[in-house]
Amino acid sequence: MRWALLLCGSVCYGELPELWSPPSAFPPTLRDIASRLPQDTDAREPCLITYAHEGQHFLCKGRKGYHGIYIGGGKRWEVPTPPLTTEEVFAAIPGEMRGASLYRTYLSQGRSEYWARQPLMLLDEWRAYTVGSHVRQELGWEKREETVRHMETFTVYVKVLYDMAGEIEGYDMTELRAFCRWNLGECKKVRGFQGGVEF
């Protein structure tokens, strides 16, 4: 993960310390996430993929004008929030690329008070499905294949957000571009990933 931290440089902020030592049977990606959360965290789930996905969300944190995405190693990557509503981004996703049930689930979530004006919710979910896919691969599982498909779908969603943000005068794309390129690289490490998108 060291090279990733070098990529984000000064926008990586805060140190999320290890609070405990998870079982050695946990896959490496989950061990990193779980170690930064209390042992009795509400993110803990019987399925290790779901545990990683939800734990990833718990480690992300925003502040005014930014959203911090957990990238491992106790670090978050801050991305400036583009002046868009989350619903505007969802409305711009082409119908054939939405994935019906997934789209409805996150459109509804994106209308909530917390996420309505934070379109970087899409990065948050993209990263969560990415770490879930890594955990699935580390476990050597054939089941839970939908985790990879959802990662692919969110790659498309994020590309729509990316393109919309790039058209906004005055919005600095530097960190959004760098994060998207980095996480796309993480997606490509997953066997079977079919992205078809570049940033």
C-alpha atoms as a PDB file:
ATOM      1  CA  MET A   1       0.000   0.000   0.000  1.00  0.00           C
ATOM      2  CA  ARG A   2       2.988   2.330   0.390  1.00  0.00           C
ATOM      3  CA  TRP A   3       2.938   3.401  -3.267  1.00  0.00           C
ATOM      4  CA  ALA A   4      -0.733   4.345  -2.961  1.00  0.00           C
ATOM      5  CA  LEU A   5       0.035   6.628  -0.033  1.00  0.00           C
ATOM      6  CA  LEU A   6       2.700   8.338  -2.074  1.00  0.00           C
ATOM      7  CA  LEU A   7       0.154   8.961  -4.810  1.00  0.00           C
ATOM      8  CA  CYS A   8      -2.189  10.928  -2.577  1.00  0.00           C
ATOM      9  CA  GLY A   9       0.567  12.801  -0.759  1.00  0.00           C
ATOM     10  CA  SER A  10      -0.736  15.684   1.314  1.00  0.00           C
ATOM     11  CA  VAL A  11      -4.390  14.774   0.941  1.00  0.00           C
ATOM     12  CA  CYS A  12      -3.950  11.649   3.026  1.00  0.00           C
ATOM     13  CA  TYR A  13      -4.836  12.747   6.523  1.00  0.00           C
ATOM     14  CA  GLY A  14      -5.050  11.273   9.985  1.00  0.00           C
ATOM     15  CA  GLU A  15      -3.725   8.037  11.297  1.00  0.00           C
ATOM     16  CA  LEU A  16      -6.254   5.323  12.053  1.00  0.00           C
ATOM     17  CA  PRO A  17      -4.444   3.203  14.624  1.00  0.00           C
ATOM     18  CA  GLU A  18      -4.723  -0.539  14.978  1.00  0.00           C
ATOM     19  CA  LEU A  19      -7.011  -1.214  17.936  1.00  0.00           C
ATOM     20  CA  TRP A  20      -6.612  -4.999  18.114  1.00  0.00           C
ATOM     21  CA  SER A  21      -5.170  -7.980  16.289  1.00  0.00           C
ATOM     22  CA  PRO A  22      -7.825  -9.750  14.195  1.00  0.00           C
ATOM     23  CA  PRO A  23      -7.605 -13.527  13.731  1.00  0.00           C
ATOM     24  CA  SER A  24      -4.828 -14.679  11.427  1.00  0.00           C
ATOM     25  CA  ALA A  25      -7.475 -16.602   9.476  1.00  0.00           C
ATOM     26  CA  PHE A  26      -8.921 -13.304   8.247  1.00  0.00           C
ATOM     27  CA  PRO A  27      -7.754 -12.387   4.734  1.00  0.00           C
ATOM     28  CA  PRO A  28      -5.209  -9.529   4.670  1.00  0.00           C
ATOM     29  CA  THR A  29      -7.574  -6.847   3.364  1.00  0.00           C
ATOM     30  CA  LEU A  30     -10.099  -7.585   6.093  1.00  0.00           C
ATOM     31  CA  ARG A  31      -7.409  -7.773   8.787  1.00  0.00           C
ATOM     32  CA  ASP A  32      -6.338  -4.243   7.942  1.00  0.00           C
ATOM     33  CA  ILE A  33      -9.907  -2.905   8.062  1.00  0.00           C
ATOM     34  CA  ALA A  34     -11.013  -4.864  11.126  1.00  0.00           C
ATOM     35  CA  SER A  35      -7.938  -3.875  13.127  1.00  0.00           C
ATOM     36  CA  ARG A  36      -8.938  -0.185  12.872  1.00  0.00           C
ATOM     37  CA  LEU A  37     -12.429  -0.821  14.267  1.00  0.00           C
ATOM     38  CA  PRO A  38     -13.540  -1.930  17.745  1.00  0.00           C
ATOM     39  CA  GLN A  39     -13.945  -5.687  18.077  1.00  0.00           C
ATOM     40  CA  ASP A  40     -17.661  -5.198  18.807  1.00  0.00           C
ATOM     41  CA  THR A  41     -18.229  -2.843  15.849  1.00  0.00           C
ATOM     42  CA  ASP A  42     -21.659  -2.814  14.229  1.00  0.00           C
ATOM     43  CA  ALA A  43     -19.833  -3.437  10.946  1.00  0.00           C
ATOM     44  CA  ARG A  44     -18.977  -6.981  12.012  1.00  0.00           C
ATOM     45  CA  GLU A  45     -20.859  -9.577   9.972  1.00  0.00           C
ATOM     46  CA  PRO A  46     -20.692 -13.392   9.742  1.00  0.00           C
ATOM     47  CA  CYS A  47     -19.794 -13.124   6.050  1.00  0.00           C
ATOM     48  CA  LEU A  48     -16.213 -11.849   5.803  1.00  0.00           C
ATOM     49  CA  ILE A  49     -16.919 -10.063   2.507  1.00  0.00           C
ATOM     50  CA  THR A  50     -19.795  -8.134   4.068  1.00  0.00           C
ATOM     51  CA  TYR A  51     -17.671  -7.406   7.137  1.00  0.00           C
ATOM     52  CA  ALA A  52     -14.993  -5.864   4.906  1.00  0.00           C
ATOM     53  CA  HIS A  53     -17.545  -3.891   2.857  1.00  0.00           C
ATOM     54  CA  GLU A  54     -19.315  -2.431   5.874  1.00  0.00           C
ATOM     55  CA  GLY A  55     -16.088  -1.899   7.797  1.00  0.00           C
ATOM     56  CA  GLN A  56     -14.716   0.055   4.851  1.00  0.00           C
ATOM     57  CA  HIS A  57     -17.696   2.417   5.105  1.00  0.00           C
ATOM     58  CA  PHE A  58     -17.136   2.867   8.826  1.00  0.00           C
ATOM     59  CA  LEU A  59     -13.559   4.025   8.166  1.00  0.00           C
ATOM     60  CA  CYS A  60     -14.524   6.668   5.599  1.00  0.00           C
ATOM     61  CA  LYS A  61     -15.144  10.154   6.939  1.00  0.00           C
ATOM     62  CA  GLY A  62     -16.088  13.497   5.452  1.00  0.00           C
ATOM     63  CA  ARG A  63     -15.523  17.090   6.423  1.00  0.00           C
ATOM     64  CA  LYS A  64     -16.940  20.255   4.933  1.00  0.00           C
ATOM     65  CA  GLY A  65     -16.197  20.264   1.217  1.00  0.00           C
ATOM     66  CA  TYR A  66     -14.414  16.891   1.191  1.00  0.00           C
ATOM     67  CA  HIS A  67     -14.944  13.178   1.590  1.00  0.00           C
ATOM     68  CA  GLY A  68     -12.225  10.917   2.975  1.00  0.00           C
ATOM     69  CA  ILE A  69     -12.051   7.403   1.516  1.00  0.00           C
ATOM     70  CA  TYR A  70     -10.188   4.769   3.497  1.00  0.00           C
ATOM     71  CA  ILE A  71      -7.410   3.272   1.356  1.00  0.00           C
ATOM     72  CA  GLY A  72      -5.705   0.927   3.805  1.00  0.00           C
ATOM     73  CA  GLY A  73      -2.698   1.229   6.050  1.00  0.00           C
ATOM     74  CA  GLY A  74      -4.565   3.546   8.405  1.00  0.00           C
ATOM     75  CA  LYS A  75      -4.950   6.301   5.772  1.00  0.00           C
ATOM     76  CA  ARG A  76      -7.821   8.156   4.140  1.00  0.00           C
ATOM     77  CA  TRP A  77      -7.688   9.903   0.781  1.00  0.00           C
ATOM     78  CA  GLU A  78      -9.513  13.244   0.746  1.00  0.00           C
ATOM     79  CA  VAL A  79     -11.355  14.188  -2.428  1.00  0.00           C
ATOM     80  CA  PRO A  80     -13.037  17.605  -2.828  1.00  0.00           C
ATOM     81  CA  THR A  81     -16.805  17.339  -3.242  1.00  0.00           C
ATOM     82  CA  PRO A  82     -18.005  18.535  -6.666  1.00  0.00           C
ATOM     83  CA  PRO A  83     -21.027  20.863  -6.590  1.00  0.00           C
ATOM     84  CA  LEU A  84     -23.531  18.240  -7.707  1.00  0.00           C
ATOM     85  CA  THR A  85     -26.379  16.455  -5.996  1.00  0.00           C
ATOM     86  CA  THR A  86     -26.181  12.701  -5.789  1.00  0.00           C
ATOM     87  CA  GLU A  87     -29.536  12.410  -7.524  1.00  0.00           C
ATOM     88  CA  GLU A  88     -28.256  14.456 -10.484  1.00  0.00           C
ATOM     89  CA  VAL A  89     -25.481  11.933 -10.974  1.00  0.00           C
ATOM     90  CA  PHE A  90     -27.830   8.950 -10.768  1.00  0.00           C
ATOM     91  CA  ALA A  91     -30.179  10.600 -13.278  1.00  0.00           C
ATOM     92  CA  ALA A  92     -27.308  10.900 -15.760  1.00  0.00           C
ATOM     93  CA  ILE A  93     -26.402   7.207 -15.669  1.00  0.00           C
ATOM     94  CA  PRO A  94     -27.588   5.635 -18.953  1.00  0.00           C
ATOM     95  CA  GLY A  95     -30.460   3.215 -18.482  1.00  0.00           C
ATOM     96  CA  GLU A  96     -28.638   0.258 -19.987  1.00  0.00           C
ATOM     97  CA  MET A  97     -25.769   0.718 -17.502  1.00  0.00           C
ATOM     98  CA  ARG A  98     -27.784   1.037 -14.311  1.00  0.00           C
ATOM     99  CA  GLY A  99     -28.352  -2.526 -13.154  1.00  0.00           C
ATOM    100  CA  ALA A 100     -31.965  -2.203 -12.029  1.00  0.00           C
ATOM    101  CA  SER A 101     -32.066  -3.377  -8.407  1.00  0.00           C
ATOM    102  CA  LEU A 102     -28.638  -1.978  -7.518  1.00  0.00           C
ATOM    103  CA  TYR A 103     -29.548   1.356  -9.067  1.00  0.00           C
ATOM    104  CA  ARG A 104     -32.822   1.619  -7.138  1.00  0.00           C
ATOM    105  CA  THR A 105     -31.127   0.731  -3.855  1.00  0.00           C
ATOM    106  CA  TYR A 106     -28.465   3.403  -4.109  1.00  0.00           C
ATOM    107  CA  LEU A 107     -30.695   6.038  -5.708  1.00  0.00           C
ATOM    108  CA  SER A 108     -32.898   5.760  -2.628  1.00  0.00           C
ATOM    109  CA  GLN A 109     -29.888   5.942  -0.317  1.00  0.00           C
ATOM    110  CA  GLY A 110     -28.556   8.914  -2.266  1.00  0.00           C
ATOM    111  CA  ARG A 111     -31.735  10.841  -1.525  1.00  0.00           C
ATOM    112  CA  SER A 112     -31.153  10.612   2.212  1.00  0.00           C
ATOM    113  CA  GLU A 113     -30.311  13.809   4.061  1.00  0.00           C
ATOM    114  CA  TYR A 114     -26.742  12.660   4.700  1.00  0.00           C
ATOM    115  CA  TRP A 115     -25.858  11.739   1.105  1.00  0.00           C
ATOM    116  CA  ALA A 116     -28.095  14.009  -0.985  1.00  0.00           C
ATOM    117  CA  ARG A 117     -25.401  16.666  -1.430  1.00  0.00           C
ATOM    118  CA  GLN A 118     -22.434  14.325  -1.218  1.00  0.00           C
ATOM    119  CA  PRO A 119     -22.102  12.670  -4.648  1.00  0.00           C
ATOM    120  CA  LEU A 120     -18.802  11.145  -3.520  1.00  0.00           C
ATOM    121  CA  MET A 121     -21.049   8.542  -1.952  1.00  0.00           C
ATOM    122  CA  LEU A 122     -20.374   6.751  -5.246  1.00  0.00           C
ATOM    123  CA  LEU A 123     -16.647   6.610  -4.483  1.00  0.00           C
ATOM    124  CA  ASP A 124     -17.451   5.316  -1.015  1.00  0.00           C
ATOM    125  CA  GLU A 125     -19.518   2.441  -2.420  1.00  0.00           C
ATOM    126  CA  TRP A 126     -17.079   1.740  -5.259  1.00  0.00           C
ATOM    127  CA  ARG A 127     -14.240   1.360  -2.801  1.00  0.00           C
ATOM    128  CA  ALA A 128     -16.366  -0.841  -0.501  1.00  0.00           C
ATOM    129  CA  TYR A 129     -17.173  -3.227  -3.353  1.00  0.00           C
ATOM    130  CA  THR A 130     -13.512  -3.168  -4.367  1.00  0.00           C
ATOM    131  CA  VAL A 131     -12.291  -4.269  -0.932  1.00  0.00           C
ATOM    132  CA  GLY A 132     -15.074  -6.857  -0.802  1.00  0.00           C
ATOM    133  CA  SER A 133     -13.877  -8.235  -4.129  1.00  0.00           C
ATOM    134  CA  HIS A 134     -10.305  -8.390  -2.859  1.00  0.00           C
ATOM    135  CA  VAL A 135     -11.447 -10.288   0.235  1.00  0.00           C
ATOM    136  CA  ARG A 136     -13.402 -12.736  -1.937  1.00  0.00           C
ATOM    137  CA  GLN A 137     -10.295 -13.352  -4.038  1.00  0.00           C
ATOM    138  CA  GLU A 138      -8.068 -13.729  -0.974  1.00  0.00           C
ATOM    139  CA  LEU A 139     -10.506 -16.303   0.413  1.00  0.00           C
ATOM    140  CA  GLY A 140     -10.487 -18.186  -2.886  1.00  0.00           C
ATOM    141  CA  TRP A 141     -14.278 -18.186  -2.975  1.00  0.00           C
ATOM    142  CA  GLU A 142     -16.366 -18.875  -6.052  1.00  0.00           C
ATOM    143  CA  LYS A 143     -19.541 -17.756  -4.265  1.00  0.00           C
ATOM    144  CA  ARG A 144     -20.507 -14.095  -3.767  1.00  0.00           C
ATOM    145  CA  GLU A 145     -19.681 -13.369  -7.410  1.00  0.00           C
ATOM    146  CA  GLU A 146     -22.138 -10.455  -7.296  1.00  0.00           C
ATOM    147  CA  THR A 147     -19.527  -8.506  -5.318  1.00  0.00           C
ATOM    148  CA  VAL A 148     -17.345  -8.276  -8.425  1.00  0.00           C
ATOM    149  CA  ARG A 149     -20.306  -7.419 -10.656  1.00  0.00           C
ATOM    150  CA  HIS A 150     -21.339  -4.602  -8.304  1.00  0.00           C
ATOM    151  CA  MET A 151     -17.762  -3.307  -8.328  1.00  0.00           C
ATOM    152  CA  GLU A 152     -17.952  -3.196 -12.125  1.00  0.00           C
ATOM    153  CA  THR A 153     -21.301  -1.403 -12.043  1.00  0.00           C
ATOM    154  CA  PHE A 154     -20.006   1.211  -9.630  1.00  0.00           C
ATOM    155  CA  THR A 155     -17.002   1.749 -11.908  1.00  0.00           C
ATOM    156  CA  VAL A 156     -19.511   2.923 -14.523  1.00  0.00           C
ATOM    157  CA  TYR A 157     -21.416   5.047 -11.991  1.00  0.00           C
ATOM    158  CA  VAL A 158     -18.192   6.732 -10.878  1.00  0.00           C
ATOM    159  CA  LYS A 159     -17.198   7.406 -14.503  1.00  0.00           C
ATOM    160  CA  VAL A 160     -20.465   9.340 -14.932  1.00  0.00           C
ATOM    161  CA  LEU A 161     -19.694  11.351 -11.795  1.00  0.00           C
ATOM    162  CA  TYR A 162     -16.137  11.903 -13.025  1.00  0.00           C
ATOM    163  CA  ASP A 163     -17.271  13.195 -16.419  1.00  0.00           C
ATOM    164  CA  MET A 164     -19.855  15.514 -14.859  1.00  0.00           C
ATOM    165  CA  ALA A 165     -17.329  16.906 -12.380  1.00  0.00           C
ATOM    166  CA  GLY A 166     -14.886  17.536 -15.220  1.00  0.00           C
ATOM    167  CA  GLU A 167     -17.378  19.876 -16.865  1.00  0.00           C
ATOM    168  CA  ILE A 168     -17.771  22.092 -13.799  1.00  0.00           C
ATOM    169  CA  GLU A 169     -15.843  25.328 -14.111  1.00  0.00           C
ATOM    170  CA  GLY A 170     -13.576  25.876 -11.147  1.00  0.00           C
ATOM    171  CA  TYR A 171     -13.705  22.322  -9.797  1.00  0.00           C
ATOM    172  CA  ASP A 172     -10.188  20.948  -9.321  1.00  0.00           C
ATOM    173  CA  MET A 173     -10.137  17.420 -10.732  1.00  0.00           C
ATOM    174  CA  THR A 174      -6.667  16.562  -9.425  1.00  0.00           C
ATOM    175  CA  GLU A 175      -7.614  14.356  -6.477  1.00  0.00           C
ATOM    176  CA  LEU A 176     -10.744  12.866  -8.039  1.00  0.00           C
ATOM    177  CA  ARG A 177      -8.734  11.891 -11.109  1.00  0.00           C
ATOM    178  CA  ALA A 178      -5.877  10.435  -9.068  1.00  0.00           C
ATOM    179  CA  PHE A 179      -8.170   8.473  -6.765  1.00  0.00           C
ATOM    180  CA  CYS A 180     -10.243   7.074  -9.640  1.00  0.00           C
ATOM    181  CA  ARG A 181      -7.143   5.948 -11.511  1.00  0.00           C
ATOM    182  CA  TRP A 182      -5.718   4.361  -8.371  1.00  0.00           C
ATOM    183  CA  ASN A 183      -8.887   2.500  -7.430  1.00  0.00           C
ATOM    184  CA  LEU A 184      -9.418   1.357 -11.016  1.00  0.00           C
ATOM    185  CA  GLY A 185      -5.974  -0.206 -10.728  1.00  0.00           C
ATOM    186  CA  GLU A 186      -7.151  -1.966  -7.574  1.00  0.00           C
ATOM    187  CA  CYS A 187     -10.216  -3.244  -9.465  1.00  0.00           C
ATOM    188  CA  LYS A 188      -8.005  -4.637 -12.202  1.00  0.00           C
ATOM    189  CA  LYS A 189      -6.207  -6.811  -9.639  1.00  0.00           C
ATOM    190  CA  VAL A 190      -9.439  -8.784  -9.208  1.00  0.00           C
ATOM    191  CA  ARG A 191      -9.683 -11.824 -11.474  1.00  0.00           C
ATOM    192  CA  GLY A 192     -12.582 -11.546 -13.877  1.00  0.00           C
ATOM    193  CA  PHE A 193     -12.957  -7.782 -13.602  1.00  0.00           C
ATOM    194  CA  GLN A 194     -14.482  -6.355 -16.762  1.00  0.00           C
ATOM    195  CA  GLY A 195     -14.369  -2.607 -16.456  1.00  0.00           C
ATOM    196  CA  GLY A 196     -14.132  -1.135 -19.940  1.00  0.00           C
ATOM    197  CA  VAL A 197     -13.662   2.310 -18.370  1.00  0.00           C
ATOM    198  CA  GLU A 198     -10.648   4.581 -18.034  1.00  0.00           C
ATOM    199  CA  PHE A 199     -10.192   7.836 -16.139  1.00  0.00           C
END
